[in-house]
């Protein structure tokens, strides 16, 4: 008898599931029927890399400095600072590593992350000026998960994630 196929698991930013864990103690809920279906099926693995790194909620806003990217931070060429100018790069790296460990432990091959975040940004992140200016790039956790081989999607790409799930198996 052949083993039953394993249901693909999805690492997902907890704020997208309604948890008030963002820097300003708010959520960023995504109301999509597929998320509810996946939650009911036990496929979602919620996380917040910043909480995994020991940050509290609320916490000062942070951005990757000098319009760099999460890849730059991983490679030692970028840093993450909060709006007071405090370098918190090591904590962001710790959160990213813990997120990658969780993905491995839970068998996640996909992630649905909150865009624009210095941790979870998938396509766009803030430029480090704290002026609301976005640029193309990934956050630290999104960059590490990509390096680990996960397919990473934003909250606006739930349909794309669904397609990837169906073609992955």
Protein backbone atom coordinates (compact mmCIF):
# COMPACT_ATOMS: atom_id res chain seq x y z
CA UNK A 1 0.00 0.00 0.00
CA UNK A 2 1.42 3.40 -1.01
CA UNK A 3 1.76 6.02 1.75
CA UNK A 4 -0.77 8.81 1.77
CA UNK A 5 0.51 12.09 0.31
CA UNK A 6 1.72 14.62 2.85
CA UNK A 7 -0.34 17.80 2.96
CA UNK A 8 1.94 20.75 2.18
CA UNK A 9 2.38 23.06 5.17
CA UNK A 10 2.57 26.84 4.88
CA UNK A 11 4.56 29.14 7.14
CA UNK A 12 2.45 32.28 7.55
CA UNK A 13 2.95 35.65 9.23
CA UNK A 14 0.75 35.56 12.32
CA UNK A 15 -0.36 39.16 11.75
CA UNK A 16 -1.99 38.02 8.49
CA UNK A 17 -4.09 35.60 10.55
CA UNK A 18 -5.34 38.41 12.78
CA UNK A 19 -2.80 38.25 15.59
CA UNK A 20 -2.01 41.78 16.93
CA UNK A 21 1.76 41.25 16.88
CA UNK A 22 3.00 43.88 14.45
CA UNK A 23 5.38 46.56 15.75
CA UNK A 24 2.40 48.77 16.67
CA UNK A 25 0.41 45.91 18.28
CA UNK A 26 -2.00 45.62 15.37
CA UNK A 27 -2.87 42.80 13.01
CA UNK A 28 -2.98 42.86 9.22
CA UNK A 29 -5.65 40.22 8.64
CA UNK A 30 -6.14 38.70 5.23
CA UNK A 31 -9.72 37.68 4.67
CA UNK A 32 -9.45 35.00 2.03
CA UNK A 33 -11.50 31.79 1.98
CA UNK A 34 -8.43 29.71 1.11
CA UNK A 35 -6.69 30.81 4.29
CA UNK A 36 -9.67 29.64 6.31
CA UNK A 37 -9.69 26.32 4.45
CA UNK A 38 -5.96 25.82 5.01
CA UNK A 39 -6.33 26.76 8.68
CA UNK A 40 -9.13 24.19 9.11
CA UNK A 41 -6.95 21.57 7.40
CA UNK A 42 -4.10 22.27 9.82
CA UNK A 43 -1.76 23.40 7.06
CA UNK A 44 -0.83 26.81 8.48
CA UNK A 45 2.17 27.32 10.73
CA UNK A 46 1.87 30.86 12.15
CA UNK A 47 4.91 32.83 13.24
CA UNK A 48 6.39 36.25 13.74
CA UNK A 49 10.17 36.33 13.31
CA UNK A 50 10.41 39.44 15.45
CA UNK A 51 8.54 37.77 18.31
CA UNK A 52 10.72 34.65 17.83
CA UNK A 53 13.74 36.95 18.27
CA UNK A 54 12.42 38.23 21.59
CA UNK A 55 10.95 41.59 20.61
CA UNK A 56 7.90 42.78 22.49
CA UNK A 57 4.65 44.15 21.13
CA UNK A 58 4.48 47.06 20.68
CA UNK A 59 8.05 47.88 19.68
CA UNK A 60 9.73 50.74 17.83
CA UNK A 61 9.40 50.56 14.04
CA UNK A 62 12.44 49.20 12.22
CA UNK A 63 13.76 49.32 8.66
CA UNK A 64 16.73 47.96 6.76
CA UNK A 65 19.13 50.92 6.60
CA UNK A 66 20.52 52.63 3.51
CA UNK A 67 18.00 51.10 1.07
CA UNK A 68 19.64 47.71 1.42
CA UNK A 69 17.86 44.34 1.39
CA UNK A 70 17.49 41.26 3.53
CA UNK A 71 20.05 39.51 1.36
CA UNK A 72 22.51 42.31 2.18
CA UNK A 73 21.83 41.81 5.88
CA UNK A 74 22.35 38.04 5.58
CA UNK A 75 25.65 38.66 3.76
CA UNK A 76 26.89 41.14 6.38
CA UNK A 77 26.54 44.26 4.18
CA UNK A 78 23.32 45.63 5.62
CA UNK A 79 21.87 46.41 9.01
CA UNK A 80 18.46 46.80 10.56
CA UNK A 81 17.86 49.83 12.77
CA UNK A 82 14.86 51.04 14.70
CA UNK A 83 13.57 54.59 14.43
CA UNK A 84 15.80 55.63 17.35
CA UNK A 85 18.90 54.60 15.37
CA UNK A 86 19.58 51.49 17.45
CA UNK A 87 21.16 48.66 15.46
CA UNK A 88 19.01 45.55 15.93
CA UNK A 89 20.49 43.47 13.13
CA UNK A 90 21.49 40.57 15.35
CA UNK A 91 17.93 40.14 16.61
CA UNK A 92 16.57 40.18 13.05
CA UNK A 93 19.08 37.53 12.04
CA UNK A 94 18.09 35.44 15.07
CA UNK A 95 14.40 35.73 14.18
CA UNK A 96 15.13 34.71 10.58
CA UNK A 97 17.13 31.67 11.71
CA UNK A 98 14.38 30.64 14.11
CA UNK A 99 11.79 31.01 11.35
CA UNK A 100 13.89 28.84 9.03
CA UNK A 101 14.26 26.25 11.80
CA UNK A 102 10.49 26.25 12.35
CA UNK A 103 9.90 25.81 8.61
CA UNK A 104 12.25 22.82 8.57
CA UNK A 105 10.73 21.26 11.72
CA UNK A 106 7.19 21.63 10.36
CA UNK A 107 8.00 20.54 6.81
CA UNK A 108 7.00 23.86 5.26
CA UNK A 109 7.94 24.38 1.63
CA UNK A 110 5.85 27.53 1.23
CA UNK A 111 5.53 30.81 3.11
CA UNK A 112 2.92 33.57 3.07
CA UNK A 113 4.49 36.69 4.53
CA UNK A 114 3.54 40.29 5.21
CA UNK A 115 4.98 42.52 2.51
CA UNK A 116 6.90 45.71 3.39
CA UNK A 117 8.21 44.33 6.69
CA UNK A 118 11.97 44.39 7.41
CA UNK A 119 11.55 40.72 8.37
CA UNK A 120 8.83 39.40 6.12
CA UNK A 121 8.80 41.75 3.11
CA UNK A 122 8.70 39.66 -0.05
CA UNK A 123 8.69 42.20 -2.88
CA UNK A 124 8.85 45.63 -1.22
CA UNK A 125 10.50 46.98 1.92
CA UNK A 126 11.05 50.44 3.37
CA UNK A 127 14.33 52.15 2.52
CA UNK A 128 15.58 52.89 6.04
CA UNK A 129 14.76 56.60 6.00
CA UNK A 130 11.52 56.20 8.03
CA UNK A 131 9.89 58.49 5.47
CA UNK A 132 7.50 55.84 4.08
CA UNK A 133 9.61 55.28 0.95
CA UNK A 134 9.46 51.75 -0.45
CA UNK A 135 11.92 50.00 -2.73
CA UNK A 136 12.18 46.55 -4.25
CA UNK A 137 13.70 43.99 -1.95
CA UNK A 138 13.08 41.29 0.62
CA UNK A 139 13.16 41.41 4.38
CA UNK A 140 15.68 39.36 6.35
CA UNK A 141 13.42 36.37 7.04
CA UNK A 142 11.96 36.30 3.53
CA UNK A 143 15.49 36.33 2.09
CA UNK A 144 16.65 33.47 4.33
CA UNK A 145 13.57 31.37 3.62
CA UNK A 146 14.16 31.81 -0.11
CA UNK A 147 17.77 30.68 0.36
CA UNK A 148 16.44 27.67 2.24
CA UNK A 149 14.34 26.75 -0.82
CA UNK A 150 10.88 27.88 0.29
CA UNK A 151 8.53 29.47 -2.22
CA UNK A 152 7.62 32.80 -0.60
CA UNK A 153 4.46 34.79 -1.35
CA UNK A 154 2.91 38.07 -0.16
CA UNK A 155 -0.55 38.50 1.33
CA UNK A 156 -1.69 39.69 -2.13
CA UNK A 157 -0.60 36.42 -3.75
CA UNK A 158 -2.85 33.85 -2.05
CA UNK A 159 -4.14 32.64 -5.44
CA UNK A 160 -0.56 32.23 -6.69
CA UNK A 161 0.29 30.25 -3.55
CA UNK A 162 -2.75 28.03 -4.14
CA UNK A 163 -1.55 27.32 -7.66
CA UNK A 164 1.95 26.52 -6.41
CA UNK A 165 0.48 24.13 -3.84
CA UNK A 166 -1.45 22.23 -6.49
CA UNK A 167 1.50 21.96 -8.87
CA UNK A 168 4.01 21.00 -6.15
CA UNK A 169 2.50 17.59 -5.53
